[in-house]
Amino acid sequence: MSPVVKKKGEKFTIPSKYLLFVLTVLCCVAMLLTFGTDLFNIPLNSAAGYVIVPFQQGISKTGEWLSRRSDELKQIRDLLEENARLKDQVAELTSENTVLQQNYYELNRLEDLLELKEEYNQYTSVGARIISRDSGNWYSNFVVDKGYEDGIAVDMNVMADGGLVGRVTSVGPNWAKVTSIISDHSNVSATVMPEGDNLIVSGDLQLMKNGVIRFSQLLDGDDGVEPGNKVVTSSISDKFLADILIGYIDTINLDANNLTKSGYITPVVDFEHMEEVLILTQLKTQIEEEDAQE
């Protein structure tokens, strides 16, 4: 057999079975040295001190941070839930407060209406709520929720705020239309107190922008009428009951004929804000007939 000749340039290799044998021997030696001696304890402990301990500290701090974050997130969720509950409570309380305020205002209005009823207790009356009105800022014409089924009839006088509002001009079974004294072409026979001089009160929606209505045909020969004097319905009116407050003299002017005076009256009724009215259920003609029979 001819000897094996290594060719030039060919790499030297160790058979795998020899390499596996060598590695096995080295592993066994390392195991014997590890378990039988302290040769590697010091280097390993030193490595643990520099590598493992900081790693453990990092893990510990990370765990603490995650725990704190978890607690904070739980607190945030609890606060959000509590905030939602509080918002619901605030909304509920706000709604209840609104209802209470509305009831309070309505109670005050009804108390005012009751006082008005007692002030004019010589007349029978019934309260009514306004359910609609003409367009515009003023209650010049409006409809109430009482009709002939409630004993309401045309020409019955209507009051609010302690004074005259107007009169019923049409009526249905459960509704009635009211024309107020501020309406254009409305005229009321009135008297200035305490002088007793008669005048005519006329509606004027344009003047109501300044909070007044017109009066005319005032005979004031003694010049006794002054701003601030009370104006009430006259006993000679054919539709309005006597002595119902209309308002107060605001301005007086001498007419061109030098005989009569005219000017403006500030109505006692707030014709911009009304919700309930008092309807006097006795007609002027009925009262005159009763007085004539007596």
Protein backbone atom coordinates (compact mmCIF):
# COMPACT_ATOMS: atom_id res chain seq x y z
CA MET A 1 0.00 0.00 0.00
CA SER A 2 1.40 3.31 -0.87
CA PRO A 3 1.57 6.00 1.85
CA VAL A 4 -0.98 8.86 1.90
CA VAL A 5 0.65 11.94 0.63
CA LYS A 6 -0.80 15.33 1.64
CA LYS A 7 -1.28 17.44 -1.32
CA LYS A 8 0.00 20.97 -1.31
CA GLY A 9 -2.72 23.51 -0.35
CA GLU A 10 -4.92 20.93 1.29
CA LYS A 11 -6.30 22.02 4.79
CA PHE A 12 -5.59 19.96 7.89
CA THR A 13 -8.78 18.54 9.47
CA ILE A 14 -9.41 16.47 12.60
CA PRO A 15 -11.84 13.66 12.25
CA SER A 16 -15.11 14.35 14.03
CA LYS A 17 -14.87 11.33 16.29
CA TYR A 18 -11.55 12.59 17.68
CA LEU A 19 -12.95 16.12 18.11
CA LEU A 20 -15.97 14.81 20.01
CA PHE A 21 -13.66 12.75 22.24
CA VAL A 22 -11.50 15.77 23.06
CA LEU A 23 -14.51 17.98 23.93
CA THR A 24 -15.95 15.25 26.14
CA VAL A 25 -12.72 14.99 28.07
CA LEU A 26 -12.55 18.76 28.52
CA CYS A 27 -16.15 18.91 29.82
CA CYS A 28 -15.45 16.15 32.34
CA VAL A 29 -12.33 17.92 33.56
CA ALA A 30 -14.25 21.19 33.93
CA MET A 31 -17.00 19.43 35.91
CA LEU A 32 -14.50 17.83 38.25
CA LEU A 33 -12.78 21.16 38.82
CA THR A 34 -16.12 22.95 39.39
CA PHE A 35 -17.59 20.51 41.89
CA GLY A 36 -14.33 19.38 43.52
CA THR A 37 -12.54 22.69 43.95
CA ASP A 38 -13.22 26.45 44.52
CA LEU A 39 -11.30 27.36 41.44
CA PHE A 40 -14.24 29.03 39.67
CA ASN A 41 -16.16 30.29 42.74
CA ILE A 42 -14.30 33.52 43.08
CA PRO A 43 -14.49 34.53 39.41
CA LEU A 44 -18.16 33.49 39.20
CA ASN A 45 -19.08 35.35 42.38
CA SER A 46 -17.28 38.39 41.10
CA ALA A 47 -19.17 38.14 37.80
CA ALA A 48 -22.43 37.78 39.69
CA GLY A 49 -21.63 40.87 41.67
CA TYR A 50 -21.06 42.92 38.56
CA VAL A 51 -23.71 41.43 36.31
CA ILE A 52 -26.43 39.55 38.14
CA VAL A 53 -26.93 41.90 41.13
CA PRO A 54 -27.46 45.06 39.03
CA PHE A 55 -29.73 43.02 36.78
CA GLN A 56 -31.76 41.90 39.81
CA GLN A 57 -31.90 45.47 41.11
CA GLY A 58 -33.13 46.63 37.72
CA ILE A 59 -35.81 43.94 37.70
CA SER A 60 -36.84 44.90 41.23
CA LYS A 61 -37.11 48.59 40.37
CA THR A 62 -39.00 47.78 37.19
CA GLY A 63 -41.42 45.66 39.20
CA GLU A 64 -41.92 48.46 41.72
CA TRP A 65 -42.52 50.97 38.89
CA LEU A 66 -45.01 48.65 37.20
CA SER A 67 -46.77 48.12 40.54
CA ARG A 68 -46.99 51.88 41.11
CA ARG A 69 -48.26 52.40 37.57
CA SER A 70 -50.86 49.70 38.12
CA ASP A 71 -52.01 51.41 41.32
CA GLU A 72 -52.07 54.79 39.57
CA LEU A 73 -54.11 53.39 36.67
CA LYS A 74 -56.55 51.86 39.12
CA GLN A 75 -56.84 55.21 40.93
CA ILE A 76 -57.38 56.97 37.58
CA ARG A 77 -60.13 54.50 36.64
CA ASP A 78 -61.73 54.98 40.05
CA LEU A 79 -61.52 58.77 39.68
CA LEU A 80 -63.02 58.63 36.18
CA GLU A 81 -65.89 56.49 37.42
CA GLU A 82 -66.42 58.80 40.39
CA ASN A 83 -66.28 61.82 38.08
CA ALA A 84 -68.93 60.25 35.83
CA ARG A 85 -71.14 59.58 38.86
CA LEU A 86 -70.68 63.14 40.08
CA LYS A 87 -71.53 64.52 36.64
CA ASP A 88 -74.74 62.48 36.64
CA GLN A 89 -75.55 63.77 40.12
CA VAL A 90 -74.85 67.37 39.06
CA ALA A 91 -77.09 66.97 36.00
CA GLU A 92 -79.84 65.48 38.15
CA LEU A 93 -79.50 68.20 40.79
CA THR A 94 -79.45 70.90 38.08
CA SER A 95 -82.66 69.49 36.63
CA GLU A 96 -84.28 69.33 40.06
CA ASN A 97 -83.13 72.88 40.80
CA THR A 98 -84.62 74.12 37.52
CA VAL A 99 -87.94 72.47 38.37
CA LEU A 100 -87.86 73.95 41.86
CA GLN A 101 -87.15 77.42 40.45
CA GLN A 102 -89.98 77.08 37.96
CA ASN A 103 -92.30 75.95 40.75
CA TYR A 104 -91.11 78.84 42.90
CA TYR A 105 -91.76 81.41 40.16
CA GLU A 106 -95.13 79.87 39.37
CA LEU A 107 -96.05 79.91 43.05
CA ASN A 108 -95.13 83.59 43.27
CA ARG A 109 -97.22 84.36 40.18
CA LEU A 110 -100.18 82.45 41.58
CA GLU A 111 -99.79 84.25 44.91
CA ASP A 112 -99.84 87.58 43.06
CA LEU A 113 -102.95 86.44 41.20
CA LEU A 114 -104.58 85.45 44.50
CA GLU A 115 -103.77 88.86 45.98
CA LEU A 116 -105.30 90.49 42.93
CA LYS A 117 -108.41 88.34 43.33
CA GLU A 118 -108.71 89.39 46.98
CA GLU A 119 -108.16 93.06 46.07
CA TYR A 120 -111.10 92.94 43.65
CA ASN A 121 -113.18 90.53 45.69
CA GLN A 122 -116.35 92.50 44.87
CA TYR A 123 -116.23 90.71 41.51
CA THR A 124 -116.35 86.99 40.84
CA SER A 125 -113.31 85.78 38.90
CA VAL A 126 -111.41 82.80 37.53
CA GLY A 127 -107.72 82.34 36.82
CA ALA A 128 -106.49 81.38 33.33
CA ARG A 129 -103.18 80.50 31.71
CA ILE A 130 -102.01 82.10 28.47
CA ILE A 131 -101.50 79.40 25.81
CA SER A 132 -100.66 81.49 22.72
CA ARG A 133 -100.25 85.06 21.51
CA ASP A 134 -99.78 87.11 18.36
CA SER A 135 -96.27 87.57 17.00
CA GLY A 136 -94.26 90.42 18.43
CA ASN A 137 -92.84 91.46 21.77
CA TRP A 138 -96.11 92.48 23.38
CA TYR A 139 -99.17 90.62 24.62
CA SER A 140 -101.52 92.75 22.54
CA ASN A 141 -103.72 89.78 21.56
CA PHE A 142 -103.49 86.38 23.19
CA VAL A 143 -105.47 83.22 23.94
CA VAL A 144 -106.14 81.68 27.38
CA ASP A 145 -107.14 78.15 28.37
CA LYS A 146 -110.64 78.99 29.60
CA GLY A 147 -113.83 79.22 27.50
CA TYR A 148 -117.60 79.30 27.72
CA GLU A 149 -117.56 75.88 29.41
CA ASP A 150 -115.84 77.69 32.28
CA GLY A 151 -118.36 80.55 32.24
CA ILE A 152 -116.25 82.93 30.14
CA ALA A 153 -118.09 85.37 27.84
CA VAL A 154 -117.21 88.19 25.44
CA ASP A 155 -116.45 91.58 27.06
CA MET A 156 -115.40 90.11 30.39
CA ASN A 157 -112.53 92.13 31.85
CA VAL A 158 -109.05 90.59 32.17
CA MET A 159 -106.45 91.57 34.79
CA ALA A 160 -102.86 90.86 35.80
CA ASP A 161 -100.07 92.53 37.82
CA GLY A 162 -102.65 94.45 39.83
CA GLY A 163 -104.20 96.20 36.86
CA LEU A 164 -106.28 96.05 33.70
CA VAL A 165 -105.02 93.92 30.81
CA GLY A 166 -107.99 94.12 28.41
CA ARG A 167 -111.20 92.26 27.65
CA VAL A 168 -112.37 89.01 26.10
CA THR A 169 -113.21 89.55 22.42
CA SER A 170 -114.04 85.99 21.31
CA VAL A 171 -114.64 82.71 23.08
CA GLY A 172 -114.73 78.96 22.39
CA PRO A 173 -115.57 75.94 24.53
CA ASN A 174 -112.16 75.80 26.25
CA TRP A 175 -110.40 78.95 25.03
CA ALA A 176 -110.90 82.70 24.87
CA LYS A 177 -109.12 85.46 22.97
CA VAL A 178 -108.17 88.60 24.84
CA THR A 179 -107.48 92.01 23.29
CA SER A 180 -105.34 94.16 25.54
CA ILE A 181 -105.58 97.90 26.15
CA ILE A 182 -102.22 98.46 24.41
CA SER A 183 -103.54 97.16 21.06
CA ASP A 184 -103.91 99.68 18.28
CA HIS A 185 -107.46 101.09 18.06
CA SER A 186 -108.21 100.05 21.66
CA ASN A 187 -109.95 102.78 23.69
CA VAL A 188 -110.90 102.81 27.37
CA SER A 189 -112.90 105.44 29.25
CA ALA A 190 -110.87 106.28 32.35
CA THR A 191 -110.68 108.63 35.32
CA VAL A 192 -107.69 110.35 36.95
CA MET A 193 -107.55 109.93 40.71
CA PRO A 194 -108.04 111.73 42.99
CA GLU A 195 -109.19 114.60 40.77
CA GLY A 196 -111.98 112.58 39.12
CA ASP A 197 -111.37 114.07 35.66
CA ASN A 198 -112.25 111.82 32.74
CA LEU A 199 -110.03 110.96 29.77
CA ILE A 200 -109.65 108.37 27.01
CA VAL A 201 -106.82 105.83 27.13
CA SER A 202 -105.76 104.61 23.67
CA GLY A 203 -103.52 101.69 22.75
CA ASP A 204 -100.42 102.22 20.66
CA LEU A 205 -97.93 99.41 20.10
CA GLN A 206 -95.30 101.81 18.78
CA LEU A 207 -95.42 103.81 21.99
CA MET A 208 -95.04 100.62 24.04
CA LYS A 209 -91.43 100.54 22.89
CA ASN A 210 -91.01 103.41 25.35
CA GLY A 211 -93.20 101.72 27.95
CA VAL A 212 -96.18 104.11 27.63
CA ILE A 213 -99.61 104.38 26.00
CA ARG A 214 -101.54 107.46 24.99
CA PHE A 215 -104.31 109.39 26.73
CA SER A 216 -106.41 112.27 25.35
CA GLN A 217 -109.49 114.45 25.96
CA LEU A 218 -108.53 115.23 29.52
CA LEU A 219 -110.49 118.18 30.93
CA ASP A 220 -108.30 119.62 33.63
CA GLY A 221 -109.52 123.18 34.14
CA ASP A 222 -107.97 123.45 37.60
CA ASP A 223 -104.61 122.07 36.44
CA GLY A 224 -104.83 119.54 39.24
CA VAL A 225 -103.62 116.52 37.28
CA GLU A 226 -99.91 115.82 37.67
CA PRO A 227 -97.45 113.11 36.61
CA GLY A 228 -97.78 110.17 38.97
CA ASN A 229 -101.56 110.44 39.38
CA LYS A 230 -103.40 107.13 39.26
CA VAL A 231 -105.60 106.32 36.26
CA VAL A 232 -108.51 103.86 36.70
CA THR A 233 -111.42 102.69 34.55
CA SER A 234 -114.36 105.07 34.55
CA SER A 235 -117.84 104.30 35.82
CA ILE A 236 -119.23 105.53 32.49
CA SER A 237 -117.35 102.88 30.45
CA ASP A 238 -119.75 100.58 28.61
CA LYS A 239 -117.47 97.51 28.66
CA PHE A 240 -115.03 97.91 31.54
CA LEU A 241 -115.90 97.60 35.21
CA ALA A 242 -115.28 100.69 37.33
CA ASP A 243 -112.17 101.54 39.37
CA ILE A 244 -109.78 99.01 37.85
CA LEU A 245 -106.23 100.36 37.87
CA ILE A 246 -104.77 101.11 34.43
CA GLY A 247 -101.54 102.95 35.23
CA TYR A 248 -100.05 106.32 36.18
CA ILE A 249 -99.76 109.66 34.40
CA ASP A 250 -96.34 110.02 32.79
CA THR A 251 -96.51 113.19 30.65
CA ILE A 252 -99.13 115.94 30.23
CA ASN A 253 -99.39 118.30 27.23
CA LEU A 254 -101.87 121.09 26.55
CA ASP A 255 -103.69 120.54 23.26
CA ALA A 256 -103.81 123.16 20.50
CA ASN A 257 -107.41 124.05 21.41
CA ASN A 258 -106.24 125.19 24.88
CA LEU A 259 -109.17 123.26 26.36
CA THR A 260 -108.09 119.66 26.66
CA LYS A 261 -104.88 117.89 27.52
CA SER A 262 -103.21 114.76 26.25
CA GLY A 263 -100.10 112.80 27.08
CA TYR A 264 -98.84 109.43 28.09
CA ILE A 265 -99.59 106.82 30.76
CA THR A 266 -97.28 104.16 32.14
CA PRO A 267 -99.36 100.97 32.41
CA VAL A 268 -99.13 99.01 35.63
CA VAL A 269 -99.23 95.69 33.76
CA ASP A 270 -96.03 94.26 32.28
CA PHE A 271 -97.34 93.54 28.77
CA GLU A 272 -94.05 91.96 27.75
CA HIS A 273 -94.08 89.19 30.36
CA MET A 274 -97.37 87.48 31.22
CA GLU A 275 -98.26 83.86 31.88
CA GLU A 276 -101.44 83.88 33.95
CA VAL A 277 -104.36 86.30 34.07
CA LEU A 278 -107.48 86.82 36.15
CA ILE A 279 -110.79 87.01 34.29
CA LEU A 280 -113.60 88.88 36.03
CA THR A 281 -116.69 86.82 35.23
CA GLN A 282 -119.21 89.64 35.70
CA LEU A 283 -120.13 91.83 32.75
CA LYS A 284 -120.62 95.57 33.05
CA THR A 285 -124.16 95.20 31.68
CA GLN A 286 -125.02 92.56 34.27
CA ILE A 287 -123.87 94.75 37.13
CA GLU A 288 -125.83 97.72 35.77
CA GLU A 289 -128.96 95.57 35.50
CA GLU A 290 -128.50 94.33 39.08
CA ASP A 291 -128.03 97.90 40.30
CA ALA A 292 -131.16 99.00 38.43
CA GLN A 293 -133.22 96.22 40.02
CA GLU A 294 -132.11 97.28 43.47
